[in-house]
C-alpha atoms as a PDB file:
ATOM      1  CA  MET A   1    -146.043 -62.342 -16.807  1.00  0.00           C
ATOM      2  CA  GLY A   2    -144.000 -59.439 -18.212  1.00  0.00           C
ATOM      3  CA  LYS A   3    -144.259 -58.006 -21.678  1.00  0.00           C
ATOM      4  CA  THR A   4    -141.975 -59.188 -24.435  1.00  0.00           C
ATOM      5  CA  ARG A   5    -139.379 -56.884 -26.010  1.00  0.00           C
ATOM      6  CA  THR A   6    -141.522 -56.808 -29.148  1.00  0.00           C
ATOM      7  CA  GLN A   7    -144.557 -55.676 -27.153  1.00  0.00           C
ATOM      8  CA  ARG A   8    -142.531 -53.013 -25.327  1.00  0.00           C
ATOM      9  CA  ALA A   9    -141.084 -51.749 -28.644  1.00  0.00           C
ATOM     10  CA  ALA A  10    -144.601 -51.583 -30.134  1.00  0.00           C
ATOM     11  CA  GLU A  11    -145.763 -49.567 -27.120  1.00  0.00           C
ATOM     12  CA  MET A  12    -142.753 -47.274 -27.572  1.00  0.00           C
ATOM     13  CA  ARG A  13    -143.785 -46.711 -31.201  1.00  0.00           C
ATOM     14  CA  GLU A  14    -147.307 -45.775 -30.083  1.00  0.00           C
ATOM     15  CA  ARG A  15    -145.959 -43.330 -27.511  1.00  0.00           C
ATOM     16  CA  ILE A  16    -143.563 -41.786 -30.055  1.00  0.00           C
ATOM     17  CA  ASP A  17    -146.395 -41.482 -32.594  1.00  0.00           C
ATOM     18  CA  CYS A  18    -148.559 -39.816 -29.938  1.00  0.00           C
ATOM     19  CA  TYR A  19    -145.769 -37.306 -29.228  1.00  0.00           C
ATOM     20  CA  PHE A  20    -145.366 -36.504 -32.927  1.00  0.00           C
ATOM     21  CA  GLU A  21    -149.126 -36.098 -33.346  1.00  0.00           C
ATOM     22  CA  GLN A  22    -149.286 -33.737 -30.370  1.00  0.00           C
ATOM     23  CA  ARG A  23    -146.464 -31.631 -31.824  1.00  0.00           C
ATOM     24  CA  ARG A  24    -148.145 -31.627 -35.241  1.00  0.00           C
ATOM     25  CA  GLU A  25    -151.346 -30.299 -33.675  1.00  0.00           C
ATOM     26  CA  GLU A  26    -149.346 -27.589 -31.874  1.00  0.00           C
ATOM     27  CA  GLY A  27    -147.418 -26.693 -35.041  1.00  0.00           C
ATOM     28  CA  ARG A  28    -144.163 -27.357 -33.203  1.00  0.00           C
ATOM     29  CA  PHE A  29    -141.048 -29.224 -34.270  1.00  0.00           C
ATOM     30  CA  PRO A  30    -140.799 -32.654 -32.587  1.00  0.00           C
ATOM     31  CA  THR A  31    -137.371 -32.404 -30.954  1.00  0.00           C
ATOM     32  CA  GLU A  32    -135.391 -35.317 -29.629  1.00  0.00           C
ATOM     33  CA  ALA A  33    -135.295 -33.732 -26.155  1.00  0.00           C
ATOM     34  CA  GLY A  34    -139.061 -33.178 -26.246  1.00  0.00           C
ATOM     35  CA  MET A  35    -139.555 -36.789 -27.248  1.00  0.00           C
ATOM     36  CA  LEU A  36    -137.440 -38.010 -24.334  1.00  0.00           C
ATOM     37  CA  LEU A  37    -139.440 -35.839 -21.941  1.00  0.00           C
ATOM     38  CA  ALA A  38    -142.716 -37.170 -23.357  1.00  0.00           C
ATOM     39  CA  LEU A  39    -141.451 -40.746 -23.081  1.00  0.00           C
ATOM     40  CA  GLU A  40    -140.123 -40.035 -19.571  1.00  0.00           C
ATOM     41  CA  LEU A  41    -136.696 -41.356 -20.553  1.00  0.00           C
ATOM     42  CA  SER A  42    -133.348 -40.093 -19.346  1.00  0.00           C
ATOM     43  CA  GLU A  43    -130.585 -39.743 -21.919  1.00  0.00           C
ATOM     44  CA  GLU A  44    -128.889 -42.730 -20.310  1.00  0.00           C
ATOM     45  CA  GLU A  45    -132.023 -44.893 -20.680  1.00  0.00           C
ATOM     46  CA  TYR A  46    -132.453 -43.683 -24.273  1.00  0.00           C
ATOM     47  CA  LEU A  47    -128.893 -44.703 -25.160  1.00  0.00           C
ATOM     48  CA  ARG A  48    -129.281 -48.049 -23.401  1.00  0.00           C
ATOM     49  CA  LEU A  49    -132.565 -48.811 -25.174  1.00  0.00           C
ATOM     50  CA  GLY A  50    -130.998 -47.720 -28.476  1.00  0.00           C
ATOM     51  CA  GLU A  51    -128.580 -50.642 -28.205  1.00  0.00           C
ATOM     52  CA  ASP A  52    -131.536 -53.027 -28.593  1.00  0.00           C
ATOM     53  CA  ARG A  53    -132.373 -53.678 -32.256  1.00  0.00           C
ATOM     54  CA  LEU A  54    -136.135 -53.337 -31.757  1.00  0.00           C
ATOM     55  CA  PHE A  55    -135.955 -50.030 -29.906  1.00  0.00           C
ATOM     56  CA  ARG A  56    -133.202 -48.695 -32.184  1.00  0.00           C
ATOM     57  CA  LYS A  57    -135.590 -49.254 -35.091  1.00  0.00           C
ATOM     58  CA  GLU A  58    -138.237 -47.084 -33.395  1.00  0.00           C
ATOM     59  CA  PHE A  59    -135.752 -44.335 -32.529  1.00  0.00           C
ATOM     60  CA  GLU A  60    -134.449 -44.363 -36.120  1.00  0.00           C
ATOM     61  CA  ARG A  61    -138.036 -44.021 -37.329  1.00  0.00           C
ATOM     62  CA  ALA A  62    -138.427 -40.981 -35.055  1.00  0.00           C
ATOM     63  CA  ARG A  63    -135.198 -39.466 -36.434  1.00  0.00           C
ATOM     64  CA  LEU A  64    -136.477 -39.933 -39.988  1.00  0.00           C
ATOM     65  CA  ALA A  65    -139.774 -38.284 -39.008  1.00  0.00           C
ATOM     66  CA  ARG A  66    -137.847 -35.265 -37.649  1.00  0.00           C
ATOM     67  CA  MET A  67    -135.864 -35.095 -40.898  1.00  0.00           C
ATOM     68  CA  ASP A  68    -139.092 -35.273 -42.906  1.00  0.00           C
ATOM     69  CA  TRP A  69    -140.608 -32.427 -40.884  1.00  0.00           C
ATOM     70  CA  LEU A  70    -137.535 -30.219 -41.336  1.00  0.00           C
ATOM     71  CA  GLU A  71    -137.140 -30.976 -45.040  1.00  0.00           C
ATOM     72  CA  ASN A  72    -140.785 -30.149 -45.707  1.00  0.00           C
ATOM     73  CA  GLN A  73    -140.596 -26.920 -43.706  1.00  0.00           C
ATOM     74  CA  MET A  74    -137.533 -25.878 -45.730  1.00  0.00           C
ATOM     75  CA  VAL A  75    -139.360 -26.078 -49.035  1.00  0.00           C
ATOM     76  CA  THR A  76    -142.869 -25.070 -48.031  1.00  0.00           C
ATOM     77  CA  GLU A  77    -142.470 -22.335 -45.434  1.00  0.00           C
ATOM     78  CA  SER A  78    -140.921 -19.038 -46.478  1.00  0.00           C
ATOM     79  CA  GLY A  79    -138.039 -17.885 -44.300  1.00  0.00           C
ATOM     80  CA  ARG A  80    -137.413 -21.193 -42.547  1.00  0.00           C
ATOM     81  CA  ALA A  81    -134.785 -22.720 -44.807  1.00  0.00           C
ATOM     82  CA  SER A  82    -131.654 -21.677 -42.897  1.00  0.00           C
ATOM     83  CA  GLY A  83    -133.088 -22.596 -39.490  1.00  0.00           C
ATOM     84  CA  CYS A  84    -134.219 -25.977 -40.755  1.00  0.00           C
ATOM     85  CA  MET A  85    -130.842 -26.600 -42.407  1.00  0.00           C
ATOM     86  CA  ASN A  86    -129.055 -25.776 -39.154  1.00  0.00           C
ATOM     87  CA  ALA A  87    -131.252 -28.320 -37.364  1.00  0.00           C
ATOM     88  CA  LEU A  88    -130.678 -30.905 -40.116  1.00  0.00           C
ATOM     89  CA  LYS A  89    -126.910 -30.549 -39.640  1.00  0.00           C
ATOM     90  CA  GLN A  90    -127.259 -31.932 -36.112  1.00  0.00           C
ATOM     91  CA  GLU A  91    -126.535 -35.661 -36.064  1.00  0.00           C
ATOM     92  CA  LYS A  92    -129.772 -36.389 -34.200  1.00  0.00           C
ATOM     93  CA  ASN A  93    -131.757 -34.766 -37.047  1.00  0.00           C
ATOM     94  CA  GLY A  94    -129.932 -36.207 -40.022  1.00  0.00           C
ATOM     95  CA  GLY A  95    -126.330 -35.033 -39.831  1.00  0.00           C
ATOM     96  CA  TYR A  96    -126.448 -33.151 -43.130  1.00  0.00           C
ATOM     97  CA  ALA A  97    -123.197 -31.555 -44.311  1.00  0.00           C
ATOM     98  CA  ASP A  98    -122.612 -28.667 -46.658  1.00  0.00           C
ATOM     99  CA  LYS A  99    -121.228 -29.987 -49.908  1.00  0.00           C
ATOM    100  CA  ALA A 100    -118.491 -27.346 -50.090  1.00  0.00           C
ATOM    101  CA  ALA A 101    -117.433 -27.950 -46.492  1.00  0.00           C
ATOM    102  CA  SER A 102    -117.184 -31.710 -46.865  1.00  0.00           C
ATOM    103  CA  ARG A 103    -115.311 -31.875 -50.185  1.00  0.00           C
ATOM    104  CA  GLU A 104    -111.576 -31.289 -50.424  1.00  0.00           C
ATOM    105  CA  GLN A 105    -110.308 -29.714 -53.618  1.00  0.00           C
ATOM    106  CA  ARG A 106    -106.697 -29.882 -54.763  1.00  0.00           C
ATOM    107  CA  LEU A 107    -104.825 -28.292 -57.629  1.00  0.00           C
ATOM    108  CA  VAL A 108    -101.756 -30.218 -58.778  1.00  0.00           C
ATOM    109  CA  ILE A 109     -99.290 -28.484 -61.086  1.00  0.00           C
ATOM    110  CA  CYS A 110     -96.866 -30.785 -62.811  1.00  0.00           C
ATOM    111  CA  LEU A 111     -93.598 -28.981 -63.595  1.00  0.00           C
ATOM    112  CA  ALA A 112     -91.828 -31.889 -65.305  1.00  0.00           C
ATOM    113  CA  GLY A 113     -90.282 -30.728 -68.570  1.00  0.00           C
ATOM    114  CA  VAL A 114     -90.406 -27.043 -67.632  1.00  0.00           C
ATOM    115  CA  GLY A 115     -87.394 -24.779 -67.130  1.00  0.00           C
ATOM    116  CA  ARG A 116     -83.748 -24.559 -68.147  1.00  0.00           C
ATOM    117  CA  GLY A 117     -82.299 -27.871 -69.278  1.00  0.00           C
ATOM    118  CA  ALA A 118     -85.686 -29.608 -69.346  1.00  0.00           C
ATOM    119  CA  ALA A 119     -85.399 -30.423 -73.067  1.00  0.00           C
ATOM    120  CA  ASP A 120     -81.950 -32.069 -72.649  1.00  0.00           C
END
Protein backbone atom coordinates (compact mmCIF):
# COMPACT_ATOMS: atom_id res chain seq x y z
CA MET A 1 0.00 0.00 0.00
CA GLY A 2 1.29 3.49 -0.85
CA LYS A 3 2.23 6.18 1.61
CA THR A 4 -0.27 8.81 2.65
CA ARG A 5 0.21 12.48 1.75
CA THR A 6 0.98 13.16 5.41
CA GLN A 7 3.71 10.52 5.41
CA ARG A 8 5.19 11.85 2.16
CA ALA A 9 5.14 15.43 3.53
CA ALA A 10 6.88 14.24 6.72
CA GLU A 11 9.55 12.53 4.62
CA MET A 12 9.94 15.75 2.61
CA ARG A 13 10.51 17.66 5.87
CA GLU A 14 13.22 15.17 6.88
CA ARG A 15 14.94 15.51 3.51
CA ILE A 16 14.75 19.32 3.66
CA ASP A 17 16.13 19.30 7.21
CA CYS A 18 18.96 17.02 6.06
CA TYR A 19 19.79 19.47 3.25
CA PHE A 20 19.83 22.42 5.64
CA GLU A 21 22.02 20.52 8.10
CA GLN A 22 24.48 19.62 5.35
CA ARG A 23 24.68 23.27 4.27
CA ARG A 24 25.12 24.38 7.88
CA GLU A 25 28.06 21.99 8.27
CA GLU A 26 29.59 23.34 5.04
CA GLY A 27 29.00 26.96 6.09
CA ARG A 28 27.01 27.53 2.91
CA PHE A 29 23.72 29.30 2.33
CA PRO A 30 20.86 26.83 1.73
CA THR A 31 19.54 28.05 -1.63
CA GLU A 32 16.21 27.12 -3.11
CA ALA A 33 17.94 25.71 -6.21
CA GLY A 34 20.30 23.67 -4.03
CA MET A 35 17.34 22.34 -2.09
CA LEU A 36 15.58 21.26 -5.29
CA LEU A 37 18.73 19.49 -6.46
CA ALA A 38 19.07 17.73 -3.10
CA LEU A 39 15.41 16.71 -3.19
CA GLU A 40 15.77 15.65 -6.84
CA LEU A 41 12.79 17.81 -7.81
CA SER A 42 12.33 19.72 -11.04
CA GLU A 43 10.93 23.23 -10.80
CA GLU A 44 7.71 21.91 -12.31
CA GLU A 45 7.40 19.20 -9.63
CA TYR A 46 8.22 21.75 -6.92
CA LEU A 47 5.44 24.07 -8.11
CA ARG A 48 2.99 21.19 -8.42
CA LEU A 49 3.78 19.91 -4.92
CA GLY A 50 3.53 23.47 -3.59
CA GLU A 51 -0.16 23.48 -4.52
CA ASP A 52 -0.75 20.78 -1.88
CA ARG A 53 -1.33 22.28 1.58
CA LEU A 54 0.92 19.77 3.35
CA PHE A 55 3.88 20.22 1.02
CA ARG A 56 3.36 23.99 0.80
CA LYS A 57 3.74 24.08 4.58
CA GLU A 58 7.13 22.34 4.33
CA PHE A 59 8.33 24.61 1.52
CA GLU A 60 7.22 27.68 3.50
CA ARG A 61 9.18 26.36 6.48
CA ALA A 62 12.25 26.06 4.23
CA ARG A 63 11.75 29.65 3.00
CA LEU A 64 11.57 30.88 6.59
CA ALA A 65 14.76 28.95 7.40
CA ARG A 66 16.53 30.68 4.48
CA MET A 67 15.29 34.05 5.74
CA ASP A 68 16.52 33.22 9.25
CA TRP A 69 19.96 32.29 7.91
CA LEU A 70 20.25 35.51 5.89
CA GLU A 71 18.96 37.75 8.67
CA ASN A 72 21.42 36.27 11.15
CA GLN A 73 24.33 36.60 8.72
CA MET A 74 23.44 40.28 8.19
CA VAL A 75 23.79 41.13 11.86
CA THR A 76 26.54 38.76 12.94
CA GLU A 77 28.99 38.62 10.04
CA SER A 78 30.91 41.76 9.12
CA GLY A 79 30.70 42.71 5.45
CA ARG A 80 27.77 40.48 4.54
CA ALA A 81 24.86 42.86 5.08
CA SER A 82 24.41 44.08 1.50
CA GLY A 83 24.75 40.61 -0.03
CA CYS A 84 22.28 39.16 2.44
CA MET A 85 19.85 42.03 1.84
CA ASN A 86 20.04 41.47 -1.91
CA ALA A 87 19.18 37.80 -1.36
CA LEU A 88 16.36 38.72 1.04
CA LYS A 89 14.82 40.94 -1.66
CA GLN A 90 14.23 37.86 -3.81
CA GLU A 91 10.68 36.58 -3.37
CA LYS A 92 11.92 33.04 -2.69
CA ASN A 93 13.96 34.34 0.27
CA GLY A 94 11.46 36.70 1.81
CA GLY A 95 10.67 39.37 -0.76
CA TYR A 96 11.94 42.24 1.37
CA ALA A 97 11.53 45.75 -0.05
CA ASP A 98 13.42 48.92 0.70
CA LYS A 99 11.21 51.24 2.68
CA ALA A 100 12.06 54.27 0.55
CA ALA A 101 11.44 52.39 -2.69
CA SER A 102 8.06 51.06 -1.63
CA ARG A 103 6.58 54.25 -0.17
CA GLU A 104 5.17 57.01 -2.35
CA GLN A 105 5.49 60.54 -1.05
CA ARG A 106 3.39 63.45 -2.28
CA LEU A 107 3.46 67.16 -1.59
CA VAL A 108 0.13 68.92 -2.07
CA ILE A 109 0.10 72.72 -2.19
CA CYS A 110 -3.30 74.27 -1.75
CA LEU A 111 -3.50 77.64 -3.54
CA ALA A 112 -7.08 78.50 -2.57
CA GLY A 113 -7.26 82.06 -1.28
CA VAL A 114 -3.93 83.07 -2.82
CA GLY A 115 -3.45 85.68 -5.55
CA ARG A 116 -5.23 88.70 -6.99
CA GLY A 117 -8.92 88.81 -6.19
CA ALA A 118 -8.71 85.94 -3.69
CA ALA A 119 -10.00 88.10 -0.82
CA ASP A 120 -13.09 89.24 -2.79
